[in-house]
Amino acid sequence: MTDMNRPSPAAIAIVDVDWSLAPANARWWAVDEDGRAHWYCTPDIAHMSSFWFSDQIPAPTFGFAGDWRTSLIERLK
């Protein structure tokens, strides 16, 4: 039985993310289903609130051409 929601190994693409272009608090880079890439920043608690939030900042795609579900890359510490 195959899981239709899982990308095949052939759909996984390698991308070289240039972290020097990222905001200082960017923790992840990913491409969404619509083909747009974003930096995802370290989550924080909003001032005077009781919920988490995380900035989503437009980013270059760096030529990513694979399945968007495999694009999440965490910044090395």
C-alpha atoms as a PDB file:
ATOM      1  CA  MET A   1       0.000   0.000   0.000  1.00  0.00           C
ATOM      2  CA  THR A   2       1.415   3.405  -0.992  1.00  0.00           C
ATOM      3  CA  ASP A   3       0.842   6.660   0.832  1.00  0.00           C
ATOM      4  CA  MET A   4      -0.222   9.155  -1.849  1.00  0.00           C
ATOM      5  CA  ASN A   5       0.613  12.067   0.471  1.00  0.00           C
ATOM      6  CA  ARG A   6       4.256  11.108   0.782  1.00  0.00           C
ATOM      7  CA  PRO A   7       6.649  12.295  -1.913  1.00  0.00           C
ATOM      8  CA  SER A   8       8.612   9.632  -3.705  1.00  0.00           C
ATOM      9  CA  PRO A   9      12.399   9.620  -3.203  1.00  0.00           C
ATOM     10  CA  ALA A  10      12.743  10.977  -6.750  1.00  0.00           C
ATOM     11  CA  ALA A  11      10.693  14.045  -5.739  1.00  0.00           C
ATOM     12  CA  ILE A  12      13.200  15.065  -3.073  1.00  0.00           C
ATOM     13  CA  ALA A  13      15.535  17.774  -4.354  1.00  0.00           C
ATOM     14  CA  ILE A  14      18.729  19.153  -2.875  1.00  0.00           C
ATOM     15  CA  VAL A  15      18.972  22.920  -2.480  1.00  0.00           C
ATOM     16  CA  ASP A  16      21.863  25.048  -1.239  1.00  0.00           C
ATOM     17  CA  VAL A  17      20.260  27.692   0.988  1.00  0.00           C
ATOM     18  CA  ASP A  18      22.405  30.824   1.376  1.00  0.00           C
ATOM     19  CA  TRP A  19      21.856  31.580   5.048  1.00  0.00           C
ATOM     20  CA  SER A  20      23.863  34.810   4.748  1.00  0.00           C
ATOM     21  CA  LEU A  21      20.729  36.240   3.063  1.00  0.00           C
ATOM     22  CA  ALA A  22      18.453  35.203   5.932  1.00  0.00           C
ATOM     23  CA  PRO A  23      17.263  37.433   8.764  1.00  0.00           C
ATOM     24  CA  ALA A  24      19.208  36.864  11.987  1.00  0.00           C
ATOM     25  CA  ASN A  25      16.271  35.102  13.667  1.00  0.00           C
ATOM     26  CA  ALA A  26      15.412  32.850  10.691  1.00  0.00           C
ATOM     27  CA  ARG A  27      15.458  29.239  11.812  1.00  0.00           C
ATOM     28  CA  TRP A  28      13.978  27.458   8.774  1.00  0.00           C
ATOM     29  CA  TRP A  29      13.671  27.922   5.013  1.00  0.00           C
ATOM     30  CA  ALA A  30      10.958  26.240   2.961  1.00  0.00           C
ATOM     31  CA  VAL A  31       8.967  26.420  -0.268  1.00  0.00           C
ATOM     32  CA  ASP A  32       5.183  26.360   0.002  1.00  0.00           C
ATOM     33  CA  GLU A  33       2.831  24.507  -2.342  1.00  0.00           C
ATOM     34  CA  ASP A  34       2.387  27.697  -4.394  1.00  0.00           C
ATOM     35  CA  GLY A  35       6.134  27.732  -5.201  1.00  0.00           C
ATOM     36  CA  ARG A  36       7.005  30.724  -3.011  1.00  0.00           C
ATOM     37  CA  ALA A  37       9.852  30.399  -0.517  1.00  0.00           C
ATOM     38  CA  HIS A  38       9.949  31.867   2.962  1.00  0.00           C
ATOM     39  CA  TRP A  39      12.231  32.220   5.928  1.00  0.00           C
ATOM     40  CA  TYR A  40      10.473  30.982   9.051  1.00  0.00           C
ATOM     41  CA  CYS A  41      11.703  32.707  12.180  1.00  0.00           C
ATOM     42  CA  THR A  42      12.114  31.447  15.714  1.00  0.00           C
ATOM     43  CA  PRO A  43       8.708  31.458  17.420  1.00  0.00           C
ATOM     44  CA  ASP A  44       7.994  33.878  20.233  1.00  0.00           C
ATOM     45  CA  ILE A  45       5.081  34.790  22.467  1.00  0.00           C
ATOM     46  CA  ALA A  46       3.320  37.947  21.294  1.00  0.00           C
ATOM     47  CA  HIS A  47       3.463  40.851  23.755  1.00  0.00           C
ATOM     48  CA  MET A  48       0.303  41.086  25.889  1.00  0.00           C
ATOM     49  CA  SER A  49      -1.023  37.794  24.490  1.00  0.00           C
ATOM     50  CA  SER A  50      -1.193  34.117  25.287  1.00  0.00           C
ATOM     51  CA  PHE A  51      -0.240  32.585  21.937  1.00  0.00           C
ATOM     52  CA  TRP A  52       2.845  31.761  19.879  1.00  0.00           C
ATOM     53  CA  PHE A  53       3.651  33.483  16.615  1.00  0.00           C
ATOM     54  CA  SER A  54       6.376  33.135  14.045  1.00  0.00           C
ATOM     55  CA  ASP A  55       7.382  35.524  11.270  1.00  0.00           C
ATOM     56  CA  GLN A  56       7.169  34.271   7.693  1.00  0.00           C
ATOM     57  CA  ILE A  57       9.435  36.415   5.494  1.00  0.00           C
ATOM     58  CA  PRO A  58       9.666  36.083   1.681  1.00  0.00           C
ATOM     59  CA  ALA A  59      12.903  34.361   0.604  1.00  0.00           C
ATOM     60  CA  PRO A  60      14.645  33.353  -2.625  1.00  0.00           C
ATOM     61  CA  THR A  61      13.802  29.889  -3.959  1.00  0.00           C
ATOM     62  CA  PHE A  62      17.485  29.131  -4.632  1.00  0.00           C
ATOM     63  CA  GLY A  63      16.339  27.177  -7.683  1.00  0.00           C
ATOM     64  CA  PHE A  64      14.381  24.599  -5.680  1.00  0.00           C
ATOM     65  CA  ALA A  65      12.438  22.394  -8.093  1.00  0.00           C
ATOM     66  CA  GLY A  66      11.424  19.434  -5.935  1.00  0.00           C
ATOM     67  CA  ASP A  67       8.310  18.515  -4.010  1.00  0.00           C
ATOM     68  CA  TRP A  68       7.440  21.380  -1.646  1.00  0.00           C
ATOM     69  CA  ARG A  69       6.725  18.878   1.164  1.00  0.00           C
ATOM     70  CA  THR A  70      10.435  17.989   1.274  1.00  0.00           C
ATOM     71  CA  SER A  71      11.766  21.549   1.218  1.00  0.00           C
ATOM     72  CA  LEU A  72      11.912  22.395   4.951  1.00  0.00           C
ATOM     73  CA  ILE A  73      15.539  23.038   5.925  1.00  0.00           C
ATOM     74  CA  GLU A  74      16.638  23.986   9.428  1.00  0.00           C
ATOM     75  CA  ARG A  75      19.472  26.443   9.922  1.00  0.00           C
ATOM     76  CA  LEU A  76      22.562  24.866  11.459  1.00  0.00           C
ATOM     77  CA  LYS A  77      23.568  26.313  14.812  1.00  0.00           C
END
